[in-house]
Amino acid sequence: MLRASAKVNLALEVLGKRADGYHEIATVLQAVDLFDRIVVETADTLSLQTDDPDLPTDEGNLVMRAARLLQKAAGIETGARIRLQKRIPVAAGLGGGSSDAAATLWGLGRLWKLRWPTARLQELAVELGMDVPFFLGTGRAVARGRGEQLTTLPGGGGYALVLVNPR
Protein backbone atom coordinates (compact mmCIF):
# COMPACT_ATOMS: atom_id res chain seq x y z
CA MET A 1 0.00 0.00 0.00
CA LEU A 2 1.30 3.42 -1.00
CA ARG A 3 0.48 6.58 0.91
CA ALA A 4 -0.17 9.59 -1.33
CA SER A 5 0.11 12.53 1.08
CA ALA A 6 -1.68 15.85 0.82
CA LYS A 7 0.34 19.08 0.91
CA VAL A 8 -0.15 22.62 2.09
CA ASN A 9 1.47 25.83 0.94
CA LEU A 10 3.06 27.38 4.03
CA ALA A 11 3.93 30.51 2.07
CA LEU A 12 3.19 31.63 -1.48
CA GLU A 13 4.47 34.59 -3.43
CA VAL A 14 3.28 35.28 -6.97
CA LEU A 15 6.19 37.04 -8.65
CA GLY A 16 4.54 37.95 -11.94
CA LYS A 17 3.18 36.59 -15.18
CA ARG A 18 5.47 34.67 -17.51
CA ALA A 19 5.58 34.91 -21.29
CA ASP A 20 4.06 31.39 -21.47
CA GLY A 21 0.95 32.56 -19.58
CA TYR A 22 1.83 30.87 -16.29
CA HIS A 23 2.68 32.73 -13.10
CA GLU A 24 6.20 32.79 -11.69
CA ILE A 25 5.94 31.70 -8.06
CA ALA A 26 7.95 31.01 -4.95
CA THR A 27 6.24 28.79 -2.40
CA VAL A 28 7.06 26.60 0.57
CA LEU A 29 5.36 23.21 0.31
CA GLN A 30 4.85 20.81 3.20
CA ALA A 31 3.43 17.28 3.05
CA VAL A 32 0.89 16.47 5.76
CA ASP A 33 -0.45 13.29 7.35
CA LEU A 34 -3.67 13.26 5.35
CA PHE A 35 -3.28 10.73 2.55
CA ASP A 36 -4.95 8.63 -0.11
CA ARG A 37 -4.13 4.93 -0.34
CA ILE A 38 -2.98 3.34 -3.58
CA VAL A 39 -2.34 -0.32 -4.32
CA VAL A 40 -0.72 -1.46 -7.58
CA GLU A 41 -0.84 -5.08 -8.73
CA THR A 42 0.27 -6.95 -11.81
CA ALA A 43 -2.39 -7.27 -14.52
CA ASP A 44 -2.59 -7.74 -18.28
CA THR A 45 -3.96 -4.25 -18.93
CA LEU A 46 -3.97 -0.91 -17.13
CA SER A 47 -7.06 -0.27 -15.03
CA LEU A 48 -8.08 2.01 -12.17
CA GLN A 49 -10.62 1.25 -9.46
CA THR A 50 -11.70 3.88 -6.92
CA ASP A 51 -13.90 3.92 -3.86
CA ASP A 52 -15.53 7.14 -5.11
CA PRO A 53 -18.05 6.58 -7.93
CA ASP A 54 -17.77 10.25 -8.94
CA LEU A 55 -14.08 9.95 -9.86
CA PRO A 56 -13.16 9.13 -13.45
CA THR A 57 -11.26 5.89 -13.98
CA ASP A 58 -10.02 6.75 -17.47
CA GLU A 59 -7.58 9.38 -18.79
CA GLY A 60 -9.65 12.01 -16.98
CA ASN A 61 -7.86 10.87 -13.82
CA LEU A 62 -4.21 11.85 -13.29
CA VAL A 63 -3.52 8.35 -11.96
CA MET A 64 -4.30 6.80 -15.34
CA ARG A 65 -2.40 9.52 -17.19
CA ALA A 66 0.62 8.85 -14.96
CA ALA A 67 0.36 5.10 -15.52
CA ARG A 68 0.15 5.44 -19.31
CA LEU A 69 2.97 7.99 -19.38
CA LEU A 70 5.32 5.71 -17.45
CA GLN A 71 4.24 2.64 -19.43
CA LYS A 72 5.07 4.43 -22.69
CA ALA A 73 8.33 6.01 -21.47
CA ALA A 74 9.61 2.67 -20.17
CA GLY A 75 8.37 0.59 -23.11
CA ILE A 76 6.34 -1.62 -20.78
CA GLU A 77 3.79 -3.88 -22.45
CA THR A 78 2.18 -5.39 -19.36
CA GLY A 79 -0.43 -3.56 -17.36
CA ALA A 80 -1.38 -3.03 -13.75
CA ARG A 81 -4.49 -2.86 -11.65
CA ILE A 82 -4.46 0.33 -9.59
CA ARG A 83 -6.79 0.71 -6.62
CA LEU A 84 -7.31 4.21 -5.21
CA GLN A 85 -8.90 4.91 -1.85
CA LYS A 86 -9.58 8.68 -1.66
CA ARG A 87 -9.26 10.52 1.64
CA ILE A 88 -7.92 13.86 0.41
CA PRO A 89 -10.86 16.09 -0.55
CA VAL A 90 -11.13 16.67 -4.31
CA ALA A 91 -10.42 20.23 -5.53
CA ALA A 92 -9.43 21.40 -2.03
CA GLY A 93 -6.01 22.76 -3.03
CA LEU A 94 -4.23 19.97 -1.15
CA GLY A 95 -2.67 18.32 -4.20
CA GLY A 96 -4.57 15.05 -3.94
CA GLY A 97 -4.64 14.27 -7.66
CA SER A 98 -1.00 15.26 -8.08
CA SER A 99 0.03 13.17 -5.09
CA ASP A 100 -1.90 10.19 -6.44
CA ALA A 101 -0.12 10.58 -9.80
CA ALA A 102 3.30 10.71 -8.12
CA ALA A 103 2.56 7.65 -5.99
CA THR A 104 1.42 5.84 -9.13
CA LEU A 105 4.70 6.65 -10.91
CA TRP A 106 6.69 5.45 -7.92
CA GLY A 107 4.59 2.34 -7.30
CA LEU A 108 4.51 1.23 -10.93
CA GLY A 109 8.25 1.87 -11.19
CA ARG A 110 8.73 -0.65 -8.39
CA LEU A 111 6.13 -3.09 -9.74
CA TRP A 112 7.73 -3.04 -13.18
CA LYS A 113 11.27 -3.16 -11.65
CA LEU A 114 12.42 -0.04 -13.51
CA ARG A 115 14.99 1.10 -10.91
CA TRP A 116 14.80 4.64 -12.24
CA PRO A 117 16.29 7.43 -10.11
CA THR A 118 13.87 9.90 -8.57
CA ALA A 119 15.13 12.63 -10.91
CA ARG A 120 13.97 10.61 -13.94
CA LEU A 121 10.52 10.09 -12.44
CA GLN A 122 10.36 13.82 -11.64
CA GLU A 123 11.06 14.63 -15.31
CA LEU A 124 7.98 12.60 -16.24
CA ALA A 125 6.01 14.07 -13.36
CA VAL A 126 6.37 17.61 -14.75
CA GLU A 127 4.42 16.45 -17.81
CA LEU A 128 1.48 15.68 -15.52
CA GLY A 129 1.48 18.87 -13.44
CA MET A 130 3.82 21.35 -11.82
CA ASP A 131 3.30 20.09 -8.27
CA VAL A 132 3.53 16.37 -9.11
CA PRO A 133 7.37 16.28 -8.78
CA PHE A 134 7.12 17.59 -5.20
CA PHE A 135 5.35 14.41 -4.13
CA LEU A 136 8.33 12.31 -5.25
CA GLY A 137 10.59 14.24 -2.86
CA THR A 138 11.19 14.53 0.85
CA GLY A 139 8.00 16.23 1.97
CA ARG A 140 9.21 19.80 2.42
CA ALA A 141 10.57 22.06 -0.30
CA VAL A 142 10.72 25.51 -1.81
CA ALA A 143 9.16 25.49 -5.27
CA ARG A 144 10.01 28.15 -7.85
CA GLY A 145 9.24 28.81 -11.50
CA ARG A 146 5.79 27.39 -12.16
CA GLY A 147 6.33 25.13 -9.15
CA GLU A 148 8.56 22.57 -10.83
CA GLN A 149 11.95 23.89 -9.62
CA LEU A 150 12.38 22.28 -6.21
CA THR A 151 14.87 22.89 -3.42
CA THR A 152 14.57 20.42 -0.55
CA LEU A 153 14.26 21.92 2.91
CA PRO A 154 15.42 20.17 6.08
CA GLY A 155 12.71 18.30 7.92
CA GLY A 156 10.98 19.90 10.80
CA GLY A 157 8.48 18.49 13.12
CA GLY A 158 6.55 18.97 16.25
CA TYR A 159 3.95 21.16 14.57
CA ALA A 160 0.24 20.51 14.55
CA LEU A 161 -1.91 21.64 11.66
CA VAL A 162 -5.69 21.72 11.44
CA LEU A 163 -7.11 21.46 7.92
CA VAL A 164 -10.67 22.64 7.37
CA ASN A 165 -12.49 21.90 4.13
CA PRO A 166 -15.74 23.88 4.06
CA ARG A 167 -18.54 22.31 2.08
C-alpha atoms as a PDB file:
ATOM      1  CA  MET A   1       0.000   0.000   0.000  1.00  0.00           C
ATOM      2  CA  LEU A   2       1.298   3.418  -1.002  1.00  0.00           C
ATOM      3  CA  ARG A   3       0.482   6.581   0.910  1.00  0.00           C
ATOM      4  CA  ALA A   4      -0.168   9.588  -1.330  1.00  0.00           C
ATOM      5  CA  SER A   5       0.106  12.532   1.076  1.00  0.00           C
ATOM      6  CA  ALA A   6      -1.676  15.853   0.822  1.00  0.00           C
ATOM      7  CA  LYS A   7       0.339  19.076   0.914  1.00  0.00           C
ATOM      8  CA  VAL A   8      -0.149  22.619   2.090  1.00  0.00           C
ATOM      9  CA  ASN A   9       1.475  25.828   0.938  1.00  0.00           C
ATOM     10  CA  LEU A  10       3.062  27.378   4.029  1.00  0.00           C
ATOM     11  CA  ALA A  11       3.926  30.512   2.070  1.00  0.00           C
ATOM     12  CA  LEU A  12       3.191  31.632  -1.475  1.00  0.00           C
ATOM     13  CA  GLU A  13       4.473  34.591  -3.430  1.00  0.00           C
ATOM     14  CA  VAL A  14       3.278  35.282  -6.965  1.00  0.00           C
ATOM     15  CA  LEU A  15       6.195  37.036  -8.654  1.00  0.00           C
ATOM     16  CA  GLY A  16       4.543  37.945 -11.935  1.00  0.00           C
ATOM     17  CA  LYS A  17       3.181  36.593 -15.176  1.00  0.00           C
ATOM     18  CA  ARG A  18       5.470  34.671 -17.508  1.00  0.00           C
ATOM     19  CA  ALA A  19       5.576  34.912 -21.286  1.00  0.00           C
ATOM     20  CA  ASP A  20       4.064  31.390 -21.472  1.00  0.00           C
ATOM     21  CA  GLY A  21       0.954  32.560 -19.584  1.00  0.00           C
ATOM     22  CA  TYR A  22       1.828  30.868 -16.292  1.00  0.00           C
ATOM     23  CA  HIS A  23       2.677  32.729 -13.104  1.00  0.00           C
ATOM     24  CA  GLU A  24       6.201  32.793 -11.694  1.00  0.00           C
ATOM     25  CA  ILE A  25       5.944  31.705  -8.061  1.00  0.00           C
ATOM     26  CA  ALA A  26       7.953  31.007  -4.946  1.00  0.00           C
ATOM     27  CA  THR A  27       6.239  28.786  -2.401  1.00  0.00           C
ATOM     28  CA  VAL A  28       7.061  26.603   0.574  1.00  0.00           C
ATOM     29  CA  LEU A  29       5.359  23.208   0.306  1.00  0.00           C
ATOM     30  CA  GLN A  30       4.850  20.813   3.202  1.00  0.00           C
ATOM     31  CA  ALA A  31       3.432  17.280   3.048  1.00  0.00           C
ATOM     32  CA  VAL A  32       0.891  16.473   5.762  1.00  0.00           C
ATOM     33  CA  ASP A  33      -0.447  13.290   7.348  1.00  0.00           C
ATOM     34  CA  LEU A  34      -3.668  13.258   5.346  1.00  0.00           C
ATOM     35  CA  PHE A  35      -3.278  10.733   2.550  1.00  0.00           C
ATOM     36  CA  ASP A  36      -4.953   8.631  -0.112  1.00  0.00           C
ATOM     37  CA  ARG A  37      -4.128   4.933  -0.336  1.00  0.00           C
ATOM     38  CA  ILE A  38      -2.978   3.339  -3.579  1.00  0.00           C
ATOM     39  CA  VAL A  39      -2.343  -0.315  -4.323  1.00  0.00           C
ATOM     40  CA  VAL A  40      -0.718  -1.464  -7.580  1.00  0.00           C
ATOM     41  CA  GLU A  41      -0.838  -5.076  -8.727  1.00  0.00           C
ATOM     42  CA  THR A  42       0.272  -6.947 -11.811  1.00  0.00           C
ATOM     43  CA  ALA A  43      -2.386  -7.272 -14.519  1.00  0.00           C
ATOM     44  CA  ASP A  44      -2.585  -7.744 -18.282  1.00  0.00           C
ATOM     45  CA  THR A  45      -3.962  -4.254 -18.926  1.00  0.00           C
ATOM     46  CA  LEU A  46      -3.974  -0.912 -17.133  1.00  0.00           C
ATOM     47  CA  SER A  47      -7.058  -0.269 -15.028  1.00  0.00           C
ATOM     48  CA  LEU A  48      -8.080   2.010 -12.173  1.00  0.00           C
ATOM     49  CA  GLN A  49     -10.622   1.247  -9.464  1.00  0.00           C
ATOM     50  CA  THR A  50     -11.696   3.877  -6.918  1.00  0.00           C
ATOM     51  CA  ASP A  51     -13.899   3.917  -3.857  1.00  0.00           C
ATOM     52  CA  ASP A  52     -15.532   7.139  -5.110  1.00  0.00           C
ATOM     53  CA  PRO A  53     -18.049   6.579  -7.926  1.00  0.00           C
ATOM     54  CA  ASP A  54     -17.770  10.254  -8.944  1.00  0.00           C
ATOM     55  CA  LEU A  55     -14.079   9.955  -9.857  1.00  0.00           C
ATOM     56  CA  PRO A  56     -13.163   9.129 -13.450  1.00  0.00           C
ATOM     57  CA  THR A  57     -11.261   5.891 -13.984  1.00  0.00           C
ATOM     58  CA  ASP A  58     -10.017   6.753 -17.469  1.00  0.00           C
ATOM     59  CA  GLU A  59      -7.577   9.384 -18.788  1.00  0.00           C
ATOM     60  CA  GLY A  60      -9.648  12.011 -16.976  1.00  0.00           C
ATOM     61  CA  ASN A  61      -7.864  10.865 -13.817  1.00  0.00           C
ATOM     62  CA  LEU A  62      -4.210  11.846 -13.286  1.00  0.00           C
ATOM     63  CA  VAL A  63      -3.517   8.348 -11.958  1.00  0.00           C
ATOM     64  CA  MET A  64      -4.304   6.799 -15.343  1.00  0.00           C
ATOM     65  CA  ARG A  65      -2.399   9.517 -17.193  1.00  0.00           C
ATOM     66  CA  ALA A  66       0.622   8.851 -14.956  1.00  0.00           C
ATOM     67  CA  ALA A  67       0.364   5.099 -15.524  1.00  0.00           C
ATOM     68  CA  ARG A  68       0.146   5.441 -19.308  1.00  0.00           C
ATOM     69  CA  LEU A  69       2.971   7.995 -19.384  1.00  0.00           C
ATOM     70  CA  LEU A  70       5.318   5.705 -17.446  1.00  0.00           C
ATOM     71  CA  GLN A  71       4.242   2.643 -19.434  1.00  0.00           C
ATOM     72  CA  LYS A  72       5.066   4.430 -22.689  1.00  0.00           C
ATOM     73  CA  ALA A  73       8.327   6.014 -21.466  1.00  0.00           C
ATOM     74  CA  ALA A  74       9.605   2.671 -20.171  1.00  0.00           C
ATOM     75  CA  GLY A  75       8.369   0.595 -23.110  1.00  0.00           C
ATOM     76  CA  ILE A  76       6.340  -1.624 -20.781  1.00  0.00           C
ATOM     77  CA  GLU A  77       3.791  -3.883 -22.454  1.00  0.00           C
ATOM     78  CA  THR A  78       2.179  -5.389 -19.362  1.00  0.00           C
ATOM     79  CA  GLY A  79      -0.429  -3.560 -17.359  1.00  0.00           C
ATOM     80  CA  ALA A  80      -1.376  -3.028 -13.755  1.00  0.00           C
ATOM     81  CA  ARG A  81      -4.487  -2.863 -11.649  1.00  0.00           C
ATOM     82  CA  ILE A  82      -4.457   0.328  -9.586  1.00  0.00           C
ATOM     83  CA  ARG A  83      -6.791   0.706  -6.619  1.00  0.00           C
ATOM     84  CA  LEU A  84      -7.311   4.205  -5.213  1.00  0.00           C
ATOM     85  CA  GLN A  85      -8.904   4.910  -1.853  1.00  0.00           C
ATOM     86  CA  LYS A  86      -9.585   8.676  -1.661  1.00  0.00           C
ATOM     87  CA  ARG A  87      -9.263  10.519   1.641  1.00  0.00           C
ATOM     88  CA  ILE A  88      -7.918  13.864   0.409  1.00  0.00           C
ATOM     89  CA  PRO A  89     -10.863  16.091  -0.552  1.00  0.00           C
ATOM     90  CA  VAL A  90     -11.133  16.667  -4.311  1.00  0.00           C
ATOM     91  CA  ALA A  91     -10.421  20.228  -5.529  1.00  0.00           C
ATOM     92  CA  ALA A  92      -9.431  21.403  -2.028  1.00  0.00           C
ATOM     93  CA  GLY A  93      -6.014  22.760  -3.034  1.00  0.00           C
ATOM     94  CA  LEU A  94      -4.232  19.970  -1.153  1.00  0.00           C
ATOM     95  CA  GLY A  95      -2.672  18.322  -4.204  1.00  0.00           C
ATOM     96  CA  GLY A  96      -4.575  15.047  -3.944  1.00  0.00           C
ATOM     97  CA  GLY A  97      -4.637  14.267  -7.658  1.00  0.00           C
ATOM     98  CA  SER A  98      -0.995  15.256  -8.081  1.00  0.00           C
ATOM     99  CA  SER A  99       0.029  13.171  -5.087  1.00  0.00           C
ATOM    100  CA  ASP A 100      -1.897  10.186  -6.444  1.00  0.00           C
ATOM    101  CA  ALA A 101      -0.121  10.578  -9.800  1.00  0.00           C
ATOM    102  CA  ALA A 102       3.305  10.712  -8.122  1.00  0.00           C
ATOM    103  CA  ALA A 103       2.555   7.649  -5.988  1.00  0.00           C
ATOM    104  CA  THR A 104       1.418   5.843  -9.129  1.00  0.00           C
ATOM    105  CA  LEU A 105       4.697   6.652 -10.910  1.00  0.00           C
ATOM    106  CA  TRP A 106       6.693   5.448  -7.919  1.00  0.00           C
ATOM    107  CA  GLY A 107       4.588   2.342  -7.302  1.00  0.00           C
ATOM    108  CA  LEU A 108       4.511   1.230 -10.929  1.00  0.00           C
ATOM    109  CA  GLY A 109       8.247   1.871 -11.193  1.00  0.00           C
ATOM    110  CA  ARG A 110       8.726  -0.648  -8.393  1.00  0.00           C
ATOM    111  CA  LEU A 111       6.128  -3.086  -9.736  1.00  0.00           C
ATOM    112  CA  TRP A 112       7.734  -3.039 -13.176  1.00  0.00           C
ATOM    113  CA  LYS A 113      11.270  -3.156 -11.654  1.00  0.00           C
ATOM    114  CA  LEU A 114      12.423  -0.037 -13.508  1.00  0.00           C
ATOM    115  CA  ARG A 115      14.988   1.099 -10.909  1.00  0.00           C
ATOM    116  CA  TRP A 116      14.799   4.642 -12.237  1.00  0.00           C
ATOM    117  CA  PRO A 117      16.287   7.426 -10.112  1.00  0.00           C
ATOM    118  CA  THR A 118      13.866   9.898  -8.566  1.00  0.00           C
ATOM    119  CA  ALA A 119      15.129  12.626 -10.912  1.00  0.00           C
ATOM    120  CA  ARG A 120      13.970  10.605 -13.941  1.00  0.00           C
ATOM    121  CA  LEU A 121      10.517  10.094 -12.438  1.00  0.00           C
ATOM    122  CA  GLN A 122      10.364  13.820 -11.640  1.00  0.00           C
ATOM    123  CA  GLU A 123      11.062  14.629 -15.307  1.00  0.00           C
ATOM    124  CA  LEU A 124       7.983  12.602 -16.242  1.00  0.00           C
ATOM    125  CA  ALA A 125       6.006  14.071 -13.356  1.00  0.00           C
ATOM    126  CA  VAL A 126       6.369  17.612 -14.753  1.00  0.00           C
ATOM    127  CA  GLU A 127       4.420  16.451 -17.815  1.00  0.00           C
ATOM    128  CA  LEU A 128       1.479  15.683 -15.520  1.00  0.00           C
ATOM    129  CA  GLY A 129       1.485  18.868 -13.445  1.00  0.00           C
ATOM    130  CA  MET A 130       3.818  21.353 -11.825  1.00  0.00           C
ATOM    131  CA  ASP A 131       3.305  20.090  -8.269  1.00  0.00           C
ATOM    132  CA  VAL A 132       3.532  16.371  -9.112  1.00  0.00           C
ATOM    133  CA  PRO A 133       7.373  16.278  -8.784  1.00  0.00           C
ATOM    134  CA  PHE A 134       7.120  17.590  -5.201  1.00  0.00           C
ATOM    135  CA  PHE A 135       5.353  14.408  -4.129  1.00  0.00           C
ATOM    136  CA  LEU A 136       8.335  12.314  -5.246  1.00  0.00           C
ATOM    137  CA  GLY A 137      10.591  14.244  -2.858  1.00  0.00           C
ATOM    138  CA  THR A 138      11.194  14.528   0.849  1.00  0.00           C
ATOM    139  CA  GLY A 139       7.998  16.226   1.971  1.00  0.00           C
ATOM    140  CA  ARG A 140       9.208  19.805   2.416  1.00  0.00           C
ATOM    141  CA  ALA A 141      10.568  22.062  -0.302  1.00  0.00           C
ATOM    142  CA  VAL A 142      10.717  25.513  -1.809  1.00  0.00           C
ATOM    143  CA  ALA A 143       9.157  25.492  -5.274  1.00  0.00           C
ATOM    144  CA  ARG A 144      10.007  28.148  -7.852  1.00  0.00           C
ATOM    145  CA  GLY A 145       9.237  28.806 -11.498  1.00  0.00           C
ATOM    146  CA  ARG A 146       5.794  27.391 -12.163  1.00  0.00           C
ATOM    147  CA  GLY A 147       6.332  25.134  -9.151  1.00  0.00           C
ATOM    148  CA  GLU A 148       8.562  22.566 -10.834  1.00  0.00           C
ATOM    149  CA  GLN A 149      11.950  23.888  -9.621  1.00  0.00           C
ATOM    150  CA  LEU A 150      12.382  22.278  -6.207  1.00  0.00           C
ATOM    151  CA  THR A 151      14.868  22.888  -3.420  1.00  0.00           C
ATOM    152  CA  THR A 152      14.570  20.420  -0.551  1.00  0.00           C
ATOM    153  CA  LEU A 153      14.259  21.918   2.909  1.00  0.00           C
ATOM    154  CA  PRO A 154      15.418  20.175   6.076  1.00  0.00           C
ATOM    155  CA  GLY A 155      12.715  18.299   7.918  1.00  0.00           C
ATOM    156  CA  GLY A 156      10.984  19.896  10.804  1.00  0.00           C
ATOM    157  CA  GLY A 157       8.482  18.494  13.125  1.00  0.00           C
ATOM    158  CA  GLY A 158       6.554  18.974  16.249  1.00  0.00           C
ATOM    159  CA  TYR A 159       3.946  21.156  14.572  1.00  0.00           C
ATOM    160  CA  ALA A 160       0.238  20.510  14.553  1.00  0.00           C
ATOM    161  CA  LEU A 161      -1.911  21.643  11.662  1.00  0.00           C
ATOM    162  CA  VAL A 162      -5.689  21.724  11.439  1.00  0.00           C
ATOM    163  CA  LEU A 163      -7.113  21.460   7.922  1.00  0.00           C
ATOM    164  CA  VAL A 164     -10.668  22.641   7.373  1.00  0.00           C
ATOM    165  CA  ASN A 165     -12.487  21.896   4.132  1.00  0.00           C
ATOM    166  CA  PRO A 166     -15.735  23.881   4.055  1.00  0.00           C
ATOM    167  CA  ARG A 167     -18.544  22.315   2.079  1.00  0.00           C
END
